[in-house]
Amino acid sequence: QARLVESGGGLVQAGDSLSLSCVASGFTFRQWNMGWYHQAPGKERDAVAWINANGNAEYADSVKGRFKISRNNSNNTLFLHIDNMKPEDTDTYSCVQIGRMQAQPTIWGQGTQVTVYL
């Protein structure tokens, strides 16, 4: 069974950096495009970044410059690194499997909560 498990969330002070991880299992990770979504309480989930099987990344306009998505196909892990954290980055971040780049996800992780304080 395909599964995505995120980790790395928590309390972060504004201005600090944070790295999230997502370990994939149950499917051939290196063959799939992947991505990250975020969701604030009471709001819809929005895409943050996508990365194809070859490691080429695309970003939502709202996060360009501070967010970096990467992957390690040798250990089935997806990463999201965020620099200069801001209170508005407070969200639940979910790892997703996608077909085409920027397409709707096919598999979701359970999410990891990130809270940024001043």
C-alpha atoms as a PDB file:
ATOM      1  CA  GLN A   1       0.000   0.000   0.000  1.00  0.00           C
ATOM      2  CA  ALA A   2       1.379   3.379  -0.985  1.00  0.00           C
ATOM      3  CA  ARG A   3       2.106   5.624   1.947  1.00  0.00           C
ATOM      4  CA  LEU A   4       3.640   9.026   2.624  1.00  0.00           C
ATOM      5  CA  VAL A   5       4.816  10.005   6.106  1.00  0.00           C
ATOM      6  CA  GLU A   6       5.914  13.552   6.864  1.00  0.00           C
ATOM      7  CA  SER A   7       8.096  14.746   9.716  1.00  0.00           C
ATOM      8  CA  GLY A   8       9.972  17.829  10.800  1.00  0.00           C
ATOM      9  CA  GLY A   9       7.141  20.154  11.774  1.00  0.00           C
ATOM     10  CA  GLY A  10       6.897  21.990  15.066  1.00  0.00           C
ATOM     11  CA  LEU A  11       7.349  25.430  16.634  1.00  0.00           C
ATOM     12  CA  VAL A  12       9.689  27.742  14.766  1.00  0.00           C
ATOM     13  CA  GLN A  13      10.664  31.316  15.480  1.00  0.00           C
ATOM     14  CA  ALA A  14      10.143  33.852  12.731  1.00  0.00           C
ATOM     15  CA  GLY A  15      13.328  34.297  10.729  1.00  0.00           C
ATOM     16  CA  ASP A  16      14.567  30.761  11.321  1.00  0.00           C
ATOM     17  CA  SER A  17      14.734  27.983   8.737  1.00  0.00           C
ATOM     18  CA  LEU A  18      12.955  24.648   8.731  1.00  0.00           C
ATOM     19  CA  SER A  19      13.264  21.433   6.785  1.00  0.00           C
ATOM     20  CA  LEU A  20      10.418  18.980   6.361  1.00  0.00           C
ATOM     21  CA  SER A  21      10.854  15.381   5.257  1.00  0.00           C
ATOM     22  CA  CYS A  22       8.507  12.854   3.703  1.00  0.00           C
ATOM     23  CA  VAL A  23       9.316   9.166   3.459  1.00  0.00           C
ATOM     24  CA  ALA A  24       7.517   7.258   0.731  1.00  0.00           C
ATOM     25  CA  SER A  25       6.761   3.550   0.694  1.00  0.00           C
ATOM     26  CA  GLY A  26       4.653   1.097  -1.261  1.00  0.00           C
ATOM     27  CA  PHE A  27       5.428   2.505  -4.707  1.00  0.00           C
ATOM     28  CA  THR A  28       8.464   3.180  -6.906  1.00  0.00           C
ATOM     29  CA  PHE A  29       9.296   6.635  -5.592  1.00  0.00           C
ATOM     30  CA  ARG A  30      11.932   7.494  -8.182  1.00  0.00           C
ATOM     31  CA  GLN A  31       9.412   7.135 -11.016  1.00  0.00           C
ATOM     32  CA  TRP A  32       6.884   9.589  -9.622  1.00  0.00           C
ATOM     33  CA  ASN A  33       6.534  13.333  -9.581  1.00  0.00           C
ATOM     34  CA  MET A  34       5.988  14.627  -6.061  1.00  0.00           C
ATOM     35  CA  GLY A  35       4.906  17.797  -4.310  1.00  0.00           C
ATOM     36  CA  TRP A  36       4.075  19.678  -1.136  1.00  0.00           C
ATOM     37  CA  TYR A  37       0.790  21.324  -0.189  1.00  0.00           C
ATOM     38  CA  HIS A  38      -0.094  23.506   2.764  1.00  0.00           C
ATOM     39  CA  GLN A  39      -3.353  24.228   4.518  1.00  0.00           C
ATOM     40  CA  ALA A  40      -4.260  26.833   7.091  1.00  0.00           C
ATOM     41  CA  PRO A  41      -7.155  26.182   9.472  1.00  0.00           C
ATOM     42  CA  GLY A  42     -10.465  26.754   7.747  1.00  0.00           C
ATOM     43  CA  LYS A  43      -8.870  27.182   4.337  1.00  0.00           C
ATOM     44  CA  GLU A  44      -8.389  24.981   1.304  1.00  0.00           C
ATOM     45  CA  ARG A  45      -5.166  23.140   0.668  1.00  0.00           C
ATOM     46  CA  ASP A  46      -2.874  24.971  -1.736  1.00  0.00           C
ATOM     47  CA  ALA A  47       0.092  23.680  -3.657  1.00  0.00           C
ATOM     48  CA  VAL A  48       3.512  24.882  -2.561  1.00  0.00           C
ATOM     49  CA  ALA A  49       5.988  23.145  -4.830  1.00  0.00           C
ATOM     50  CA  TRP A  50       6.394  20.240  -7.230  1.00  0.00           C
ATOM     51  CA  ILE A  51       9.380  18.203  -8.302  1.00  0.00           C
ATOM     52  CA  ASN A  52       9.596  15.742 -11.156  1.00  0.00           C
ATOM     53  CA  ALA A  53      11.300  12.375 -11.127  1.00  0.00           C
ATOM     54  CA  ASN A  54      14.498  13.967 -12.446  1.00  0.00           C
ATOM     55  CA  GLY A  55      14.640  16.598  -9.725  1.00  0.00           C
ATOM     56  CA  ASN A  56      13.373  19.609 -11.667  1.00  0.00           C
ATOM     57  CA  ALA A  57      11.334  21.855  -9.394  1.00  0.00           C
ATOM     58  CA  GLU A  58       8.448  24.274  -9.819  1.00  0.00           C
ATOM     59  CA  TYR A  59       7.004  26.598  -7.193  1.00  0.00           C
ATOM     60  CA  ALA A  60       3.808  28.432  -6.454  1.00  0.00           C
ATOM     61  CA  ASP A  61       4.307  32.160  -6.996  1.00  0.00           C
ATOM     62  CA  SER A  62       3.581  32.871  -3.333  1.00  0.00           C
ATOM     63  CA  VAL A  63       6.606  30.898  -2.092  1.00  0.00           C
ATOM     64  CA  LYS A  64       9.255  31.535  -4.720  1.00  0.00           C
ATOM     65  CA  GLY A  65      12.580  32.496  -3.200  1.00  0.00           C
ATOM     66  CA  ARG A  66      12.132  31.061   0.311  1.00  0.00           C
ATOM     67  CA  PHE A  67      10.990  27.501  -0.321  1.00  0.00           C
ATOM     68  CA  LYS A  68      13.074  24.737  -1.833  1.00  0.00           C
ATOM     69  CA  ILE A  69      11.834  21.275  -2.725  1.00  0.00           C
ATOM     70  CA  SER A  70      14.245  18.418  -3.230  1.00  0.00           C
ATOM     71  CA  ARG A  71      14.304  14.641  -3.250  1.00  0.00           C
ATOM     72  CA  ASN A  72      16.587  11.723  -2.546  1.00  0.00           C
ATOM     73  CA  ASN A  73      15.540   8.818  -4.715  1.00  0.00           C
ATOM     74  CA  SER A  74      18.019   6.462  -3.058  1.00  0.00           C
ATOM     75  CA  ASN A  75      16.107   6.573   0.237  1.00  0.00           C
ATOM     76  CA  ASN A  76      12.629   7.466  -1.046  1.00  0.00           C
ATOM     77  CA  THR A  77      12.545  10.818   0.685  1.00  0.00           C
ATOM     78  CA  LEU A  78      11.086  14.168  -0.325  1.00  0.00           C
ATOM     79  CA  PHE A  79      12.168  17.404   1.358  1.00  0.00           C
ATOM     80  CA  LEU A  80      10.898  20.936   1.747  1.00  0.00           C
ATOM     81  CA  HIS A  81      13.274  23.565   3.094  1.00  0.00           C
ATOM     82  CA  ILE A  82      11.888  26.940   4.130  1.00  0.00           C
ATOM     83  CA  ASP A  83      14.089  29.943   4.835  1.00  0.00           C
ATOM     84  CA  ASN A  84      13.191  33.081   6.770  1.00  0.00           C
ATOM     85  CA  MET A  85      10.051  31.625   8.290  1.00  0.00           C
ATOM     86  CA  LYS A  86       7.106  34.006   8.690  1.00  0.00           C
ATOM     87  CA  PRO A  87       4.005  33.745  10.876  1.00  0.00           C
ATOM     88  CA  GLU A  88       1.912  33.352   7.726  1.00  0.00           C
ATOM     89  CA  ASP A  89       3.809  30.117   7.009  1.00  0.00           C
ATOM     90  CA  THR A  90       1.907  28.565   9.912  1.00  0.00           C
ATOM     91  CA  ASP A  91       0.096  25.692   8.241  1.00  0.00           C
ATOM     92  CA  THR A  92      -0.183  21.938   7.970  1.00  0.00           C
ATOM     93  CA  TYR A  93       2.220  20.775   5.280  1.00  0.00           C
ATOM     94  CA  SER A  94       1.435  17.605   3.338  1.00  0.00           C
ATOM     95  CA  CYS A  95       3.532  15.560   1.004  1.00  0.00           C
ATOM     96  CA  VAL A  96       1.799  14.327  -2.149  1.00  0.00           C
ATOM     97  CA  GLN A  97       2.322  12.009  -5.066  1.00  0.00           C
ATOM     98  CA  ILE A  98       1.279  13.488  -8.389  1.00  0.00           C
ATOM     99  CA  GLY A  99       1.005  12.322 -11.967  1.00  0.00           C
ATOM    100  CA  ARG A 100       1.805  15.256 -14.204  1.00  0.00           C
ATOM    101  CA  MET A 101       3.521  18.258 -12.714  1.00  0.00           C
ATOM    102  CA  GLN A 102       1.032  20.549 -10.962  1.00  0.00           C
ATOM    103  CA  ALA A 103      -1.736  17.981 -11.402  1.00  0.00           C
ATOM    104  CA  GLN A 104      -4.099  17.023  -8.606  1.00  0.00           C
ATOM    105  CA  PRO A 105      -2.433  14.672  -6.119  1.00  0.00           C
ATOM    106  CA  THR A 106      -3.064  10.952  -6.240  1.00  0.00           C
ATOM    107  CA  ILE A 107      -1.776  10.174  -2.737  1.00  0.00           C
ATOM    108  CA  TRP A 108      -1.603  12.401   0.355  1.00  0.00           C
ATOM    109  CA  GLY A 109       0.442  12.158   3.505  1.00  0.00           C
ATOM    110  CA  GLN A 110      -1.177  12.868   6.861  1.00  0.00           C
ATOM    111  CA  GLY A 111       0.556  16.217   7.166  1.00  0.00           C
ATOM    112  CA  THR A 112       2.879  17.852   9.660  1.00  0.00           C
ATOM    113  CA  GLN A 113       2.000  21.014  11.563  1.00  0.00           C
ATOM    114  CA  VAL A 114       4.288  24.020  11.403  1.00  0.00           C
ATOM    115  CA  THR A 115       3.721  26.970  13.723  1.00  0.00           C
ATOM    116  CA  VAL A 116       5.779  30.128  13.397  1.00  0.00           C
ATOM    117  CA  TYR A 117       5.927  32.559  16.313  1.00  0.00           C
ATOM    118  CA  LEU A 118       7.378  36.039  16.619  1.00  0.00           C
END
